[in-house]
């Protein structure tokens, strides 16, 4: 990790602080996440521009002309028909998994690992409520060994997001979830951790509208 000092307008800083509180992360984590997304977009733009320069329209048209004229599979899979291509029939996935799908798969696995029952819709609501924080390396995990991190979880999620009154039982609940997820070691996903807090304090109604 490295430190970068940036001067921003006061109005932008206030907005960043507000968003960070809503997402349950620090301002630094929110900025790092936003920067990572912007850099990824710019890198993708450069990549596609470079690929476009190497494009061969004639080869593209020839590839389309060589495709078999067959009816689509009823389930939406793309199939090469043995009779049309002279080769072995094969199927391709109907669609690619999104980063959110991958994240949800990891959350389900973590829930099973700690032996916790969960509601799919509520887990998705918690994950979506965290926004881009679930994709950023610095903000997608919770460190139970960091007191400042646990305080942010209490202040930004339990108090501000769930509307709970500050009391000793909030930190006790956080420590209880830390104990519950100790088998995950360094893989305490923030979405999973927050879900278990919602479950621990029976605050499901605060997230499901």
N, C-alpha and C. Protein backbone atom coordinates (compact mmCIF):
# COMPACT_ATOMS: atom_id res chain seq x y z
N UNK A 1 0.84 -1.19 0.00
CA UNK A 1 0.00 0.00 0.00
C UNK A 1 0.88 1.24 0.00
N UNK A 2 0.39 2.31 -0.61
CA UNK A 2 1.11 3.57 -0.63
C UNK A 2 0.13 4.70 -0.31
N UNK A 3 0.68 5.86 0.07
CA UNK A 3 -0.14 7.01 0.44
C UNK A 3 -0.13 8.04 -0.67
N UNK A 4 -1.31 8.59 -0.98
CA UNK A 4 -1.44 9.59 -2.02
C UNK A 4 -2.27 10.74 -1.47
N UNK A 5 -1.69 11.93 -1.43
CA UNK A 5 -2.40 13.12 -0.93
C UNK A 5 -3.09 13.81 -2.11
N UNK A 6 -4.39 14.05 -1.97
CA UNK A 6 -5.16 14.67 -3.05
C UNK A 6 -6.00 15.80 -2.47
N UNK A 7 -5.99 16.97 -3.14
CA UNK A 7 -6.80 18.10 -2.73
C UNK A 7 -8.14 18.05 -3.47
N UNK A 8 -9.23 18.06 -2.72
CA UNK A 8 -10.56 18.02 -3.33
C UNK A 8 -11.42 19.14 -2.74
N UNK A 9 -12.43 19.60 -3.47
CA UNK A 9 -13.34 20.63 -2.94
C UNK A 9 -14.04 20.13 -1.67
N UNK A 10 -14.37 21.06 -0.79
CA UNK A 10 -15.01 20.68 0.47
C UNK A 10 -16.34 19.97 0.22
N UNK A 11 -17.08 20.42 -0.80
CA UNK A 11 -18.37 19.80 -1.09
C UNK A 11 -18.20 18.34 -1.49
N UNK A 12 -17.13 18.05 -2.27
CA UNK A 12 -16.88 16.68 -2.68
C UNK A 12 -16.47 15.83 -1.48
N UNK A 13 -15.66 16.39 -0.61
CA UNK A 13 -15.25 15.63 0.59
C UNK A 13 -16.45 15.30 1.46
N UNK A 14 -17.36 16.28 1.61
CA UNK A 14 -18.55 16.03 2.41
C UNK A 14 -19.40 14.92 1.80
N UNK A 15 -19.49 14.92 0.46
CA UNK A 15 -20.27 13.88 -0.20
C UNK A 15 -19.61 12.51 -0.04
N UNK A 16 -18.28 12.48 -0.12
CA UNK A 16 -17.54 11.23 0.06
C UNK A 16 -17.77 10.68 1.47
N UNK A 17 -17.71 11.56 2.45
CA UNK A 17 -17.91 11.12 3.84
C UNK A 17 -19.32 10.57 4.03
N UNK A 18 -20.30 11.24 3.39
CA UNK A 18 -21.68 10.78 3.50
C UNK A 18 -21.86 9.41 2.85
N UNK A 19 -21.29 9.23 1.65
CA UNK A 19 -21.40 7.95 0.96
C UNK A 19 -20.69 6.84 1.73
N UNK A 20 -19.53 7.15 2.29
CA UNK A 20 -18.78 6.16 3.05
C UNK A 20 -19.60 5.67 4.25
N UNK A 21 -20.29 6.59 4.91
CA UNK A 21 -21.13 6.21 6.04
C UNK A 21 -22.28 5.32 5.59
N UNK A 22 -22.87 5.66 4.44
CA UNK A 22 -23.99 4.85 3.93
C UNK A 22 -23.53 3.44 3.56
N UNK A 23 -22.30 3.33 3.03
CA UNK A 23 -21.79 2.03 2.58
C UNK A 23 -21.16 1.23 3.72
N UNK A 24 -20.94 1.88 4.86
CA UNK A 24 -20.34 1.18 5.99
C UNK A 24 -18.85 0.95 5.83
N UNK A 25 -18.16 1.85 5.11
CA UNK A 25 -16.73 1.72 4.92
C UNK A 25 -16.08 3.06 5.24
N UNK A 26 -14.74 3.09 5.29
CA UNK A 26 -14.04 4.34 5.54
C UNK A 26 -13.97 5.14 4.25
N UNK A 27 -13.70 6.44 4.37
CA UNK A 27 -13.55 7.30 3.19
C UNK A 27 -12.41 6.79 2.32
N UNK A 28 -11.32 6.37 2.96
CA UNK A 28 -10.17 5.86 2.20
C UNK A 28 -10.54 4.63 1.39
N UNK A 29 -11.32 3.72 1.99
CA UNK A 29 -11.75 2.51 1.27
C UNK A 29 -12.66 2.86 0.10
N UNK A 30 -13.56 3.83 0.31
CA UNK A 30 -14.48 4.23 -0.77
C UNK A 30 -13.71 4.86 -1.92
N UNK A 31 -12.74 5.73 -1.61
CA UNK A 31 -11.95 6.37 -2.66
C UNK A 31 -11.13 5.33 -3.42
N UNK A 32 -10.51 4.40 -2.69
CA UNK A 32 -9.72 3.36 -3.35
C UNK A 32 -10.58 2.52 -4.28
N UNK A 33 -11.80 2.22 -3.84
CA UNK A 33 -12.72 1.43 -4.66
C UNK A 33 -13.12 2.20 -5.92
N UNK A 34 -13.44 3.49 -5.76
CA UNK A 34 -13.84 4.31 -6.90
C UNK A 34 -12.69 4.47 -7.89
N UNK A 35 -11.48 4.65 -7.37
CA UNK A 35 -10.32 4.78 -8.25
C UNK A 35 -10.06 3.49 -9.02
N UNK A 36 -10.20 2.36 -8.34
CA UNK A 36 -9.98 1.07 -8.99
C UNK A 36 -10.97 0.88 -10.13
N UNK A 37 -12.24 1.26 -9.92
CA UNK A 37 -13.25 1.13 -10.96
C UNK A 37 -12.93 2.04 -12.15
N UNK A 38 -12.52 3.28 -11.87
CA UNK A 38 -12.21 4.23 -12.95
C UNK A 38 -11.00 3.76 -13.75
N UNK A 39 -9.97 3.28 -13.07
CA UNK A 39 -8.78 2.79 -13.78
C UNK A 39 -9.15 1.59 -14.65
N UNK A 40 -10.01 0.72 -14.13
CA UNK A 40 -10.44 -0.45 -14.91
C UNK A 40 -11.17 -0.03 -16.17
N UNK A 41 -12.02 1.00 -16.06
CA UNK A 41 -12.74 1.50 -17.23
C UNK A 41 -11.78 2.07 -18.26
N UNK A 42 -10.82 2.87 -17.80
CA UNK A 42 -9.85 3.48 -18.72
C UNK A 42 -8.98 2.42 -19.38
N UNK A 43 -8.55 1.42 -18.59
CA UNK A 43 -7.75 0.33 -19.15
C UNK A 43 -8.54 -0.44 -20.20
N UNK A 44 -9.83 -0.65 -19.92
CA UNK A 44 -10.67 -1.37 -20.89
C UNK A 44 -10.81 -0.58 -22.17
N UNK A 45 -10.95 0.73 -22.05
CA UNK A 45 -11.09 1.57 -23.24
C UNK A 45 -9.85 1.49 -24.12
N UNK A 46 -8.68 1.57 -23.47
CA UNK A 46 -7.43 1.47 -24.23
C UNK A 46 -7.30 0.09 -24.89
N UNK A 47 -7.68 -0.93 -24.14
CA UNK A 47 -7.59 -2.30 -24.66
C UNK A 47 -8.45 -2.47 -25.91
N UNK A 48 -9.70 -1.99 -25.86
CA UNK A 48 -10.59 -2.16 -27.00
C UNK A 48 -10.17 -1.28 -28.18
N UNK A 49 -9.57 -0.13 -27.90
CA UNK A 49 -9.05 0.70 -28.98
C UNK A 49 -7.91 -0.02 -29.70
N UNK A 50 -7.04 -0.66 -28.92
CA UNK A 50 -5.94 -1.40 -29.52
C UNK A 50 -6.43 -2.59 -30.32
N UNK A 51 -7.44 -3.30 -29.78
CA UNK A 51 -8.01 -4.43 -30.50
C UNK A 51 -8.69 -3.98 -31.79
N UNK A 52 -9.35 -2.81 -31.74
CA UNK A 52 -10.05 -2.30 -32.91
C UNK A 52 -9.08 -2.01 -34.06
N UNK A 53 -7.88 -1.56 -33.72
CA UNK A 53 -6.89 -1.25 -34.76
C UNK A 53 -6.44 -2.52 -35.48
N UNK A 54 -6.55 -3.67 -34.80
CA UNK A 54 -6.12 -4.93 -35.42
C UNK A 54 -7.27 -5.66 -36.10
N UNK A 55 -8.45 -5.03 -36.09
CA UNK A 55 -9.63 -5.70 -36.64
C UNK A 55 -9.51 -5.91 -38.14
N UNK A 56 -10.07 -7.00 -38.60
CA UNK A 56 -10.08 -7.34 -40.03
C UNK A 56 -11.54 -7.59 -40.42
N UNK A 57 -12.17 -6.61 -41.07
CA UNK A 57 -13.59 -6.72 -41.41
C UNK A 57 -13.85 -7.88 -42.36
N UNK A 58 -12.94 -8.09 -43.30
CA UNK A 58 -13.12 -9.19 -44.26
C UNK A 58 -13.13 -10.54 -43.54
N UNK A 59 -12.23 -10.72 -42.56
CA UNK A 59 -12.18 -11.97 -41.81
C UNK A 59 -13.43 -12.13 -40.97
N UNK A 60 -13.93 -11.01 -40.43
CA UNK A 60 -15.15 -11.05 -39.62
C UNK A 60 -16.34 -11.49 -40.46
N UNK A 61 -16.47 -10.91 -41.68
CA UNK A 61 -17.58 -11.29 -42.56
C UNK A 61 -17.47 -12.74 -42.99
N UNK A 62 -16.22 -13.20 -43.21
CA UNK A 62 -16.03 -14.59 -43.62
C UNK A 62 -16.43 -15.55 -42.50
N UNK A 63 -16.15 -15.16 -41.25
CA UNK A 63 -16.52 -16.00 -40.11
C UNK A 63 -18.04 -16.11 -39.99
N UNK A 64 -18.75 -14.98 -40.20
CA UNK A 64 -20.21 -15.01 -40.14
C UNK A 64 -20.79 -15.87 -41.26
N UNK A 65 -20.18 -15.76 -42.46
CA UNK A 65 -20.68 -16.55 -43.59
C UNK A 65 -20.50 -18.04 -43.36
N UNK A 66 -19.49 -18.41 -42.58
CA UNK A 66 -19.21 -19.84 -42.35
C UNK A 66 -20.08 -20.45 -41.26
N UNK A 67 -20.82 -19.61 -40.52
CA UNK A 67 -21.65 -20.11 -39.42
C UNK A 67 -22.84 -20.88 -39.98
N UNK A 68 -23.21 -22.02 -39.38
CA UNK A 68 -24.35 -22.82 -39.88
C UNK A 68 -25.67 -22.10 -39.67
N UNK A 69 -26.55 -22.23 -40.60
CA UNK A 69 -27.87 -21.62 -40.52
C UNK A 69 -28.83 -22.61 -39.87
N UNK A 70 -28.81 -22.65 -38.53
CA UNK A 70 -29.64 -23.60 -37.79
C UNK A 70 -30.46 -22.86 -36.75
N UNK A 71 -31.55 -23.46 -36.33
CA UNK A 71 -32.42 -22.86 -35.33
C UNK A 71 -31.77 -22.90 -33.96
N UNK A 72 -31.98 -21.84 -33.17
CA UNK A 72 -31.38 -21.76 -31.84
C UNK A 72 -31.95 -22.85 -30.93
N UNK A 73 -31.12 -23.32 -30.02
CA UNK A 73 -31.56 -24.31 -29.05
C UNK A 73 -32.63 -23.70 -28.16
N UNK A 74 -33.70 -24.42 -27.81
CA UNK A 74 -34.79 -23.85 -27.00
C UNK A 74 -34.36 -23.32 -25.65
N UNK A 75 -33.27 -23.83 -25.10
CA UNK A 75 -32.80 -23.36 -23.79
C UNK A 75 -31.85 -22.19 -23.92
N UNK A 76 -31.60 -21.74 -25.14
CA UNK A 76 -30.77 -20.57 -25.34
C UNK A 76 -29.30 -20.89 -25.49
N UNK A 77 -28.89 -22.17 -25.44
CA UNK A 77 -27.49 -22.49 -25.61
C UNK A 77 -27.12 -22.41 -27.08
N UNK A 78 -25.87 -22.08 -27.37
CA UNK A 78 -25.37 -22.04 -28.73
C UNK A 78 -24.79 -23.39 -29.06
N UNK A 79 -25.26 -24.03 -30.13
CA UNK A 79 -24.81 -25.38 -30.46
C UNK A 79 -24.24 -25.43 -31.87
N UNK A 80 -23.13 -26.14 -32.01
CA UNK A 80 -22.62 -26.49 -33.33
C UNK A 80 -23.20 -27.84 -33.68
N UNK A 81 -23.97 -27.91 -34.75
CA UNK A 81 -24.63 -29.15 -35.13
C UNK A 81 -23.65 -30.02 -35.90
N UNK A 82 -23.58 -31.28 -35.53
CA UNK A 82 -22.62 -32.22 -36.10
C UNK A 82 -22.78 -32.31 -37.63
N UNK A 83 -24.01 -32.34 -38.10
CA UNK A 83 -24.24 -32.49 -39.54
C UNK A 83 -23.79 -31.25 -40.31
N UNK A 84 -23.91 -30.06 -39.70
CA UNK A 84 -23.57 -28.83 -40.41
C UNK A 84 -22.07 -28.56 -40.37
N UNK A 85 -21.40 -28.97 -39.31
CA UNK A 85 -19.99 -28.63 -39.14
C UNK A 85 -19.08 -29.83 -39.32
N UNK A 86 -19.65 -31.04 -39.33
CA UNK A 86 -18.82 -32.22 -39.48
C UNK A 86 -17.99 -32.52 -38.26
N UNK A 87 -18.33 -31.93 -37.17
CA UNK A 87 -17.54 -32.14 -35.94
C UNK A 87 -18.42 -32.58 -34.81
N UNK A 88 -17.88 -32.56 -33.61
CA UNK A 88 -18.61 -33.02 -32.44
C UNK A 88 -19.51 -31.92 -31.91
N UNK A 89 -20.72 -32.27 -31.55
CA UNK A 89 -21.66 -31.30 -31.02
C UNK A 89 -21.18 -30.79 -29.67
N UNK A 90 -21.33 -29.49 -29.45
CA UNK A 90 -20.91 -28.92 -28.17
C UNK A 90 -21.82 -27.74 -27.83
N UNK A 91 -21.91 -27.42 -26.56
CA UNK A 91 -22.75 -26.33 -26.08
C UNK A 91 -21.91 -25.31 -25.36
N UNK A 92 -22.32 -24.05 -25.47
CA UNK A 92 -21.66 -22.96 -24.75
C UNK A 92 -22.63 -22.42 -23.72
N UNK A 93 -22.14 -21.85 -22.64
CA UNK A 93 -23.04 -21.31 -21.61
C UNK A 93 -23.97 -20.26 -22.20
N UNK A 94 -25.16 -20.16 -21.61
CA UNK A 94 -26.13 -19.20 -22.10
C UNK A 94 -25.65 -17.77 -21.85
N UNK A 95 -25.02 -17.50 -20.75
CA UNK A 95 -24.51 -16.17 -20.47
C UNK A 95 -23.37 -16.27 -19.45
N UNK A 96 -22.54 -15.23 -19.46
CA UNK A 96 -21.41 -15.23 -18.54
C UNK A 96 -21.85 -14.77 -17.15
N UNK A 97 -21.15 -15.27 -16.16
CA UNK A 97 -21.43 -14.86 -14.78
C UNK A 97 -20.90 -13.45 -14.57
N UNK A 98 -21.63 -12.66 -13.82
CA UNK A 98 -21.22 -11.31 -13.49
C UNK A 98 -20.35 -11.33 -12.24
N UNK A 99 -19.59 -10.25 -11.98
CA UNK A 99 -18.80 -10.17 -10.75
C UNK A 99 -19.69 -10.32 -9.51
N UNK A 100 -20.92 -9.82 -9.59
CA UNK A 100 -21.83 -9.95 -8.45
C UNK A 100 -22.21 -11.41 -8.23
N UNK A 101 -22.41 -12.15 -9.34
CA UNK A 101 -22.71 -13.59 -9.22
C UNK A 101 -21.55 -14.32 -8.54
N UNK A 102 -20.32 -13.96 -8.93
CA UNK A 102 -19.15 -14.60 -8.33
C UNK A 102 -19.06 -14.27 -6.84
N UNK A 103 -19.36 -13.01 -6.51
CA UNK A 103 -19.32 -12.60 -5.10
C UNK A 103 -20.37 -13.37 -4.29
N UNK A 104 -21.58 -13.49 -4.85
CA UNK A 104 -22.64 -14.21 -4.15
C UNK A 104 -22.27 -15.68 -3.95
N UNK A 105 -21.61 -16.28 -4.93
CA UNK A 105 -21.17 -17.67 -4.80
C UNK A 105 -20.19 -17.82 -3.63
N UNK A 106 -19.29 -16.83 -3.50
CA UNK A 106 -18.32 -16.85 -2.40
C UNK A 106 -19.04 -16.68 -1.06
N UNK A 107 -20.08 -15.84 -1.03
CA UNK A 107 -20.81 -15.61 0.22
C UNK A 107 -21.57 -16.87 0.63
N UNK A 108 -22.18 -17.55 -0.34
CA UNK A 108 -22.90 -18.79 -0.02
C UNK A 108 -21.94 -19.83 0.56
N UNK A 109 -20.77 -19.94 -0.06
CA UNK A 109 -19.78 -20.90 0.42
C UNK A 109 -19.34 -20.56 1.83
N UNK A 110 -19.18 -19.26 2.12
CA UNK A 110 -18.76 -18.84 3.47
C UNK A 110 -19.86 -19.16 4.48
N UNK A 111 -21.10 -18.92 4.10
CA UNK A 111 -22.22 -19.23 5.00
C UNK A 111 -22.26 -20.72 5.34
N UNK A 112 -22.06 -21.53 4.32
CA UNK A 112 -22.05 -22.98 4.55
C UNK A 112 -20.86 -23.39 5.42
N UNK A 113 -19.74 -22.70 5.22
CA UNK A 113 -18.54 -23.05 5.98
C UNK A 113 -18.71 -22.78 7.48
N UNK A 114 -19.43 -21.70 7.81
CA UNK A 114 -19.64 -21.38 9.23
C UNK A 114 -20.91 -22.06 9.77
N UNK A 115 -21.61 -22.79 8.89
CA UNK A 115 -22.79 -23.51 9.32
C UNK A 115 -23.98 -22.63 9.62
N UNK A 116 -24.09 -21.50 8.92
CA UNK A 116 -25.19 -20.56 9.17
C UNK A 116 -26.28 -20.72 8.12
N UNK A 117 -27.52 -20.75 8.56
CA UNK A 117 -28.64 -20.72 7.62
C UNK A 117 -28.82 -19.27 7.16
N UNK A 118 -29.31 -19.10 5.94
CA UNK A 118 -29.43 -17.73 5.44
C UNK A 118 -30.56 -17.63 4.44
N UNK A 119 -31.04 -16.41 4.26
CA UNK A 119 -32.07 -16.10 3.29
C UNK A 119 -31.39 -15.45 2.08
N UNK A 120 -31.59 -16.04 0.91
CA UNK A 120 -30.92 -15.57 -0.31
C UNK A 120 -31.24 -14.10 -0.61
N UNK A 121 -32.51 -13.74 -0.49
CA UNK A 121 -32.92 -12.36 -0.80
C UNK A 121 -32.28 -11.37 0.15
N UNK A 122 -32.20 -11.72 1.42
CA UNK A 122 -31.59 -10.82 2.40
C UNK A 122 -30.09 -10.71 2.18
N UNK A 123 -29.45 -11.83 1.85
CA UNK A 123 -28.01 -11.79 1.59
C UNK A 123 -27.72 -10.89 0.39
N UNK A 124 -28.55 -10.98 -0.64
CA UNK A 124 -28.38 -10.10 -1.81
C UNK A 124 -28.60 -8.65 -1.44
N UNK A 125 -29.58 -8.39 -0.58
CA UNK A 125 -29.86 -7.02 -0.17
C UNK A 125 -28.68 -6.42 0.58
N UNK A 126 -28.07 -7.22 1.45
CA UNK A 126 -26.89 -6.75 2.19
C UNK A 126 -25.74 -6.47 1.22
N UNK A 127 -25.51 -7.39 0.29
CA UNK A 127 -24.41 -7.24 -0.66
C UNK A 127 -24.61 -6.01 -1.55
N UNK A 128 -25.82 -5.85 -2.07
CA UNK A 128 -26.10 -4.70 -2.94
C UNK A 128 -26.01 -3.38 -2.18
N UNK A 129 -26.37 -3.43 -0.91
CA UNK A 129 -26.29 -2.23 -0.09
C UNK A 129 -24.87 -1.74 0.13
N UNK A 130 -23.90 -2.64 -0.01
CA UNK A 130 -22.49 -2.27 0.16
C UNK A 130 -21.90 -1.66 -1.10
N UNK A 131 -22.61 -1.77 -2.23
CA UNK A 131 -22.14 -1.16 -3.46
C UNK A 131 -20.79 -1.68 -3.92
N UNK A 132 -19.94 -0.79 -4.46
CA UNK A 132 -18.64 -1.21 -5.00
C UNK A 132 -17.66 -1.72 -3.95
N UNK A 133 -17.97 -1.53 -2.67
CA UNK A 133 -17.06 -1.96 -1.61
C UNK A 133 -16.83 -3.47 -1.65
N UNK A 134 -17.78 -4.24 -2.17
CA UNK A 134 -17.63 -5.71 -2.17
C UNK A 134 -16.64 -6.19 -3.22
N UNK A 135 -16.20 -5.30 -4.11
CA UNK A 135 -15.26 -5.70 -5.16
C UNK A 135 -13.83 -5.21 -4.89
N UNK A 136 -13.69 -4.29 -3.95
CA UNK A 136 -12.38 -3.70 -3.69
C UNK A 136 -11.62 -4.49 -2.63
N UNK A 137 -10.35 -4.77 -2.90
CA UNK A 137 -9.53 -5.59 -1.99
C UNK A 137 -9.46 -4.99 -0.59
N UNK A 138 -9.40 -3.66 -0.50
CA UNK A 138 -9.22 -3.02 0.80
C UNK A 138 -10.51 -2.92 1.61
N UNK A 139 -11.67 -3.10 0.98
CA UNK A 139 -12.92 -2.89 1.71
C UNK A 139 -13.85 -4.10 1.71
N UNK A 140 -13.58 -5.12 0.92
CA UNK A 140 -14.53 -6.23 0.82
C UNK A 140 -14.44 -7.21 1.99
N UNK A 141 -13.38 -7.10 2.80
CA UNK A 141 -13.20 -8.00 3.95
C UNK A 141 -13.23 -7.21 5.26
N UNK A 142 -13.58 -7.89 6.32
CA UNK A 142 -13.58 -7.30 7.67
C UNK A 142 -12.46 -7.94 8.47
N UNK A 143 -11.68 -7.11 9.16
CA UNK A 143 -10.59 -7.60 10.00
C UNK A 143 -10.99 -7.50 11.46
N UNK A 144 -11.20 -8.64 12.08
CA UNK A 144 -11.60 -8.65 13.50
C UNK A 144 -10.45 -8.30 14.42
N UNK A 145 -9.24 -8.27 13.91
CA UNK A 145 -8.08 -7.93 14.73
C UNK A 145 -7.81 -6.42 14.75
N UNK A 146 -8.61 -5.66 14.01
CA UNK A 146 -8.42 -4.21 13.92
C UNK A 146 -9.54 -3.51 14.70
N UNK A 147 -9.26 -2.96 15.88
CA UNK A 147 -10.29 -2.30 16.69
C UNK A 147 -10.97 -1.14 15.96
N UNK A 148 -10.19 -0.38 15.17
CA UNK A 148 -10.77 0.75 14.44
C UNK A 148 -11.76 0.26 13.38
N UNK A 149 -11.43 -0.86 12.75
CA UNK A 149 -12.35 -1.45 11.77
C UNK A 149 -13.66 -1.87 12.43
N UNK A 150 -13.57 -2.49 13.57
CA UNK A 150 -14.78 -2.94 14.27
C UNK A 150 -15.61 -1.76 14.75
N UNK A 151 -14.94 -0.69 15.12
CA UNK A 151 -15.67 0.53 15.53
C UNK A 151 -16.42 1.11 14.34
N UNK A 152 -15.80 1.08 13.14
CA UNK A 152 -16.48 1.58 11.95
C UNK A 152 -17.70 0.72 11.62
N UNK A 153 -17.56 -0.59 11.83
CA UNK A 153 -18.69 -1.48 11.60
C UNK A 153 -19.85 -1.10 12.53
N UNK A 154 -19.53 -0.83 13.77
CA UNK A 154 -20.56 -0.45 14.74
C UNK A 154 -21.20 0.89 14.36
N UNK A 155 -20.36 1.89 14.10
CA UNK A 155 -20.87 3.24 13.85
C UNK A 155 -21.59 3.34 12.51
N UNK A 156 -20.96 2.82 11.45
CA UNK A 156 -21.50 3.02 10.11
C UNK A 156 -22.60 2.04 9.72
N UNK A 157 -22.51 0.81 10.22
CA UNK A 157 -23.51 -0.17 9.82
C UNK A 157 -24.60 -0.35 10.87
N UNK A 158 -24.22 -0.70 12.08
CA UNK A 158 -25.23 -0.98 13.09
C UNK A 158 -26.01 0.27 13.49
N UNK A 159 -25.30 1.37 13.71
CA UNK A 159 -25.97 2.57 14.19
C UNK A 159 -26.61 3.37 13.05
N UNK A 160 -25.80 3.67 12.00
CA UNK A 160 -26.31 4.55 10.94
C UNK A 160 -27.16 3.81 9.91
N UNK A 161 -26.75 2.59 9.56
CA UNK A 161 -27.49 1.85 8.53
C UNK A 161 -28.72 1.16 9.11
N UNK A 162 -28.55 0.48 10.23
CA UNK A 162 -29.65 -0.28 10.82
C UNK A 162 -30.45 0.53 11.83
N UNK A 163 -29.94 1.71 12.21
CA UNK A 163 -30.67 2.58 13.11
C UNK A 163 -30.70 2.11 14.55
N UNK A 164 -29.66 1.37 14.98
CA UNK A 164 -29.62 0.87 16.34
C UNK A 164 -29.02 1.91 17.28
N UNK A 165 -29.47 1.91 18.52
CA UNK A 165 -28.93 2.82 19.54
C UNK A 165 -27.59 2.30 20.03
N UNK A 166 -26.68 3.21 20.26
CA UNK A 166 -25.35 2.82 20.72
C UNK A 166 -25.42 2.25 22.13
N UNK A 167 -24.80 1.09 22.29
CA UNK A 167 -24.74 0.46 23.62
C UNK A 167 -23.65 -0.60 23.58
N UNK A 168 -23.31 -1.13 24.74
CA UNK A 168 -22.26 -2.13 24.82
C UNK A 168 -22.63 -3.41 24.07
N UNK A 169 -23.91 -3.67 23.92
CA UNK A 169 -24.32 -4.91 23.26
C UNK A 169 -23.98 -4.92 21.76
N UNK A 170 -23.79 -3.73 21.18
CA UNK A 170 -23.43 -3.69 19.76
C UNK A 170 -22.03 -4.29 19.55
N UNK A 171 -21.08 -3.86 20.35
CA UNK A 171 -19.73 -4.40 20.21
C UNK A 171 -19.69 -5.86 20.65
N UNK A 172 -20.52 -6.21 21.59
CA UNK A 172 -20.58 -7.62 22.00
C UNK A 172 -21.09 -8.48 20.85
N UNK A 173 -22.06 -7.96 20.10
CA UNK A 173 -22.57 -8.68 18.95
C UNK A 173 -21.53 -8.82 17.86
N UNK A 174 -20.75 -7.76 17.65
CA UNK A 174 -19.69 -7.80 16.65
C UNK A 174 -18.66 -8.87 17.01
N UNK A 175 -18.28 -8.90 18.29
CA UNK A 175 -17.31 -9.91 18.72
C UNK A 175 -17.90 -11.32 18.60
N UNK A 176 -19.20 -11.44 18.80
CA UNK A 176 -19.85 -12.74 18.67
C UNK A 176 -19.78 -13.22 17.21
N UNK A 177 -19.97 -12.30 16.26
CA UNK A 177 -19.86 -12.65 14.84
C UNK A 177 -18.41 -12.95 14.47
N UNK A 178 -17.48 -12.24 15.06
CA UNK A 178 -16.06 -12.54 14.84
C UNK A 178 -15.76 -13.98 15.26
N UNK A 179 -16.31 -14.38 16.40
CA UNK A 179 -16.11 -15.74 16.89
C UNK A 179 -16.81 -16.74 15.96
N UNK A 180 -18.00 -16.37 15.49
CA UNK A 180 -18.75 -17.25 14.60
C UNK A 180 -18.02 -17.49 13.29
N UNK A 181 -17.29 -16.49 12.83
CA UNK A 181 -16.61 -16.57 11.52
C UNK A 181 -15.12 -16.84 11.64
N UNK A 182 -14.66 -17.25 12.81
CA UNK A 182 -13.22 -17.45 12.98
C UNK A 182 -12.67 -18.54 12.06
N UNK A 183 -13.53 -19.46 11.64
CA UNK A 183 -13.09 -20.51 10.73
C UNK A 183 -12.78 -19.99 9.34
N UNK A 184 -13.27 -18.79 9.01
CA UNK A 184 -13.00 -18.19 7.70
C UNK A 184 -11.62 -17.56 7.65
N UNK A 185 -11.02 -17.38 8.81
CA UNK A 185 -9.69 -16.80 8.93
C UNK A 185 -9.62 -15.45 8.22
N UNK A 186 -8.80 -15.32 7.18
CA UNK A 186 -8.65 -14.02 6.51
C UNK A 186 -9.67 -13.76 5.44
N UNK A 187 -10.74 -14.58 5.37
CA UNK A 187 -11.74 -14.42 4.32
C UNK A 187 -13.10 -14.03 4.89
N UNK A 188 -13.13 -13.09 5.81
CA UNK A 188 -14.39 -12.63 6.38
C UNK A 188 -14.99 -11.58 5.44
N UNK A 189 -15.78 -12.03 4.50
CA UNK A 189 -16.40 -11.11 3.55
C UNK A 189 -17.30 -10.13 4.29
N UNK A 190 -17.20 -8.86 3.92
CA UNK A 190 -17.98 -7.84 4.60
C UNK A 190 -19.48 -8.13 4.48
N UNK A 191 -19.92 -8.55 3.30
CA UNK A 191 -21.34 -8.85 3.11
C UNK A 191 -21.80 -9.97 4.04
N UNK A 192 -20.98 -10.99 4.19
CA UNK A 192 -21.31 -12.11 5.07
C UNK A 192 -21.31 -11.64 6.52
N UNK A 193 -20.30 -10.87 6.89
CA UNK A 193 -20.18 -10.38 8.26
C UNK A 193 -21.39 -9.52 8.62
N UNK A 194 -21.77 -8.61 7.71
CA UNK A 194 -22.91 -7.74 7.97
C UNK A 194 -24.21 -8.54 8.02
N UNK A 195 -24.32 -9.54 7.15
CA UNK A 195 -25.52 -10.38 7.18
C UNK A 195 -25.67 -11.07 8.54
N UNK A 196 -24.58 -11.61 9.03
CA UNK A 196 -24.62 -12.30 10.32
C UNK A 196 -24.94 -11.34 11.46
N UNK A 197 -24.52 -10.08 11.32
CA UNK A 197 -24.89 -9.07 12.32
C UNK A 197 -26.39 -8.80 12.26
N UNK A 198 -26.92 -8.68 11.04
CA UNK A 198 -28.36 -8.47 10.88
C UNK A 198 -29.11 -9.63 11.52
N UNK A 199 -28.63 -10.84 11.28
CA UNK A 199 -29.25 -12.04 11.84
C UNK A 199 -29.12 -12.06 13.37
N UNK A 200 -27.94 -11.70 13.85
CA UNK A 200 -27.67 -11.72 15.30
C UNK A 200 -28.61 -10.79 16.05
N UNK A 201 -28.84 -9.59 15.47
CA UNK A 201 -29.68 -8.60 16.14
C UNK A 201 -31.13 -8.62 15.67
N UNK A 202 -31.46 -9.60 14.80
CA UNK A 202 -32.85 -9.72 14.29
C UNK A 202 -33.33 -8.42 13.66
N UNK A 203 -32.49 -7.85 12.77
CA UNK A 203 -32.81 -6.58 12.12
C UNK A 203 -33.13 -6.77 10.64
N UNK A 204 -33.66 -7.92 10.28
CA UNK A 204 -33.97 -8.20 8.87
C UNK A 204 -34.90 -7.16 8.26
N UNK A 205 -35.86 -6.69 9.03
CA UNK A 205 -36.84 -5.73 8.51
C UNK A 205 -36.20 -4.40 8.13
N UNK A 206 -35.01 -4.13 8.62
CA UNK A 206 -34.36 -2.86 8.31
C UNK A 206 -33.79 -2.85 6.90
N UNK A 207 -33.66 -4.03 6.27
CA UNK A 207 -33.06 -4.12 4.95
C UNK A 207 -34.03 -4.61 3.88
N UNK A 208 -34.98 -5.42 4.25
CA UNK A 208 -35.96 -5.93 3.29
C UNK A 208 -37.19 -5.03 3.30
N UNK A 209 -37.42 -4.37 2.15
CA UNK A 209 -38.56 -3.45 2.05
C UNK A 209 -39.75 -4.17 1.42
